[in-house]
């Protein structure tokens, strides 16, 4: 546990609040949002205009959906072919 500043609801003053803040600082998406299949990695981590095209939640959502689908069917799931621009 650790402490962080909070506001007392009754008095409106600053107080120290004790709790576990790791889940707020480090999202649960980190485990699935930083890795991807090598075939899908270039598209999921594509940089456009000096920013990543997808957020870690997008990558994590795709990764979890692909993992669950693979467990159900036994077939690997990849991104569909990219459409020409």
C-alpha atoms as a PDB file:
ATOM      1  CA  UNK A   1       0.000   0.000   0.000  1.00  0.00           C
ATOM      2  CA  UNK A   2       1.035   3.591  -0.505  1.00  0.00           C
ATOM      3  CA  UNK A   3      -0.278   7.090   0.061  1.00  0.00           C
ATOM      4  CA  UNK A   4      -1.413   9.798  -2.333  1.00  0.00           C
ATOM      5  CA  UNK A   5      -3.083  13.157  -1.901  1.00  0.00           C
ATOM      6  CA  UNK A   6      -6.846  13.317  -1.842  1.00  0.00           C
ATOM      7  CA  UNK A   7      -9.566  15.758  -0.794  1.00  0.00           C
ATOM      8  CA  UNK A   8     -11.667  15.242   2.344  1.00  0.00           C
ATOM      9  CA  UNK A   9     -15.293  15.269   1.127  1.00  0.00           C
ATOM     10  CA  UNK A  10     -16.621  16.868   4.307  1.00  0.00           C
ATOM     11  CA  UNK A  11     -13.991  19.517   5.035  1.00  0.00           C
ATOM     12  CA  UNK A  12     -12.555  20.085   1.551  1.00  0.00           C
ATOM     13  CA  UNK A  13      -9.000  19.881   2.877  1.00  0.00           C
ATOM     14  CA  UNK A  14      -6.102  17.891   1.471  1.00  0.00           C
ATOM     15  CA  UNK A  15      -5.518  14.545   3.163  1.00  0.00           C
ATOM     16  CA  UNK A  16      -3.298  11.513   2.588  1.00  0.00           C
ATOM     17  CA  UNK A  17      -5.249   8.551   1.199  1.00  0.00           C
ATOM     18  CA  UNK A  18      -3.896   5.044   1.719  1.00  0.00           C
ATOM     19  CA  UNK A  19      -4.426   2.361  -0.896  1.00  0.00           C
ATOM     20  CA  UNK A  20      -2.990   0.330  -3.735  1.00  0.00           C
ATOM     21  CA  UNK A  21      -2.653   2.573  -6.804  1.00  0.00           C
ATOM     22  CA  UNK A  22      -0.674   0.211  -9.060  1.00  0.00           C
ATOM     23  CA  UNK A  23      -3.731  -0.830 -11.049  1.00  0.00           C
ATOM     24  CA  UNK A  24      -4.418   2.814 -11.892  1.00  0.00           C
ATOM     25  CA  UNK A  25      -0.840   3.668 -12.831  1.00  0.00           C
ATOM     26  CA  UNK A  26      -0.181   0.415 -14.723  1.00  0.00           C
ATOM     27  CA  UNK A  27      -3.224  -0.560 -16.723  1.00  0.00           C
ATOM     28  CA  UNK A  28      -4.224  -4.217 -17.068  1.00  0.00           C
ATOM     29  CA  UNK A  29      -3.693  -3.875 -20.825  1.00  0.00           C
ATOM     30  CA  UNK A  30       0.087  -3.842 -20.464  1.00  0.00           C
ATOM     31  CA  UNK A  31       0.397  -7.626 -20.482  1.00  0.00           C
ATOM     32  CA  UNK A  32      -1.397  -7.944 -23.831  1.00  0.00           C
ATOM     33  CA  UNK A  33      -0.903  -4.439 -25.273  1.00  0.00           C
ATOM     34  CA  UNK A  34       2.845  -4.527 -25.813  1.00  0.00           C
ATOM     35  CA  UNK A  35       3.230  -7.755 -27.760  1.00  0.00           C
ATOM     36  CA  UNK A  36       1.738  -9.051 -30.975  1.00  0.00           C
ATOM     37  CA  UNK A  37       2.208 -11.822 -33.495  1.00  0.00           C
ATOM     38  CA  UNK A  38       5.137 -10.975 -35.812  1.00  0.00           C
ATOM     39  CA  UNK A  39       2.772 -11.073 -38.803  1.00  0.00           C
ATOM     40  CA  UNK A  40       0.459  -8.429 -37.257  1.00  0.00           C
ATOM     41  CA  UNK A  41       3.067  -6.352 -35.413  1.00  0.00           C
ATOM     42  CA  UNK A  42       3.957  -3.924 -38.268  1.00  0.00           C
ATOM     43  CA  UNK A  43       0.308  -2.874 -38.667  1.00  0.00           C
ATOM     44  CA  UNK A  44      -0.588  -2.758 -34.972  1.00  0.00           C
ATOM     45  CA  UNK A  45       2.458  -0.658 -34.079  1.00  0.00           C
ATOM     46  CA  UNK A  46       2.444   1.511 -37.205  1.00  0.00           C
ATOM     47  CA  UNK A  47       3.585   5.111 -36.678  1.00  0.00           C
ATOM     48  CA  UNK A  48       1.738   7.780 -38.614  1.00  0.00           C
ATOM     49  CA  UNK A  49       2.574  11.464 -38.192  1.00  0.00           C
ATOM     50  CA  UNK A  50       4.989  10.752 -35.298  1.00  0.00           C
ATOM     51  CA  UNK A  51       2.206   9.018 -33.334  1.00  0.00           C
ATOM     52  CA  UNK A  52       1.203   5.378 -33.056  1.00  0.00           C
ATOM     53  CA  UNK A  53      -1.887   4.606 -35.113  1.00  0.00           C
ATOM     54  CA  UNK A  54      -3.373   2.317 -32.410  1.00  0.00           C
ATOM     55  CA  UNK A  55      -3.510   2.636 -28.622  1.00  0.00           C
ATOM     56  CA  UNK A  56      -2.408  -0.165 -26.309  1.00  0.00           C
ATOM     57  CA  UNK A  57      -6.076  -0.917 -25.630  1.00  0.00           C
ATOM     58  CA  UNK A  58      -6.640  -1.556 -29.359  1.00  0.00           C
ATOM     59  CA  UNK A  59      -3.636  -3.890 -29.482  1.00  0.00           C
ATOM     60  CA  UNK A  60      -4.709  -5.637 -26.266  1.00  0.00           C
ATOM     61  CA  UNK A  61      -8.300  -6.047 -27.471  1.00  0.00           C
ATOM     62  CA  UNK A  62      -7.112  -7.611 -30.736  1.00  0.00           C
ATOM     63  CA  UNK A  63      -4.594  -9.803 -28.898  1.00  0.00           C
ATOM     64  CA  UNK A  64      -7.151 -11.112 -26.413  1.00  0.00           C
ATOM     65  CA  UNK A  65      -9.784 -11.697 -29.099  1.00  0.00           C
ATOM     66  CA  UNK A  66      -7.232 -13.569 -31.213  1.00  0.00           C
ATOM     67  CA  UNK A  67      -6.103 -15.631 -28.213  1.00  0.00           C
ATOM     68  CA  UNK A  68      -9.649 -16.613 -27.228  1.00  0.00           C
ATOM     69  CA  UNK A  69     -10.560 -17.414 -30.846  1.00  0.00           C
ATOM     70  CA  UNK A  70      -7.432 -19.542 -31.208  1.00  0.00           C
ATOM     71  CA  UNK A  71      -8.320 -21.484 -28.041  1.00  0.00           C
ATOM     72  CA  UNK A  72     -11.854 -22.107 -29.333  1.00  0.00           C
ATOM     73  CA  UNK A  73     -11.055 -23.036 -32.939  1.00  0.00           C
ATOM     74  CA  UNK A  74      -7.384 -23.991 -32.940  1.00  0.00           C
ATOM     75  CA  UNK A  75      -6.754 -21.602 -35.868  1.00  0.00           C
ATOM     76  CA  UNK A  76      -4.551 -18.517 -35.548  1.00  0.00           C
ATOM     77  CA  UNK A  77      -6.258 -15.176 -36.140  1.00  0.00           C
ATOM     78  CA  UNK A  78      -4.529 -12.384 -38.041  1.00  0.00           C
ATOM     79  CA  UNK A  79      -5.552  -8.960 -39.239  1.00  0.00           C
ATOM     80  CA  UNK A  80      -7.370  -8.954 -42.581  1.00  0.00           C
ATOM     81  CA  UNK A  81      -5.364  -7.841 -45.634  1.00  0.00           C
ATOM     82  CA  UNK A  82      -4.771  -4.099 -45.764  1.00  0.00           C
ATOM     83  CA  UNK A  83      -6.815  -2.193 -48.343  1.00  0.00           C
ATOM     84  CA  UNK A  84      -4.830  -0.076 -50.785  1.00  0.00           C
ATOM     85  CA  UNK A  85      -5.125   3.640 -50.112  1.00  0.00           C
END
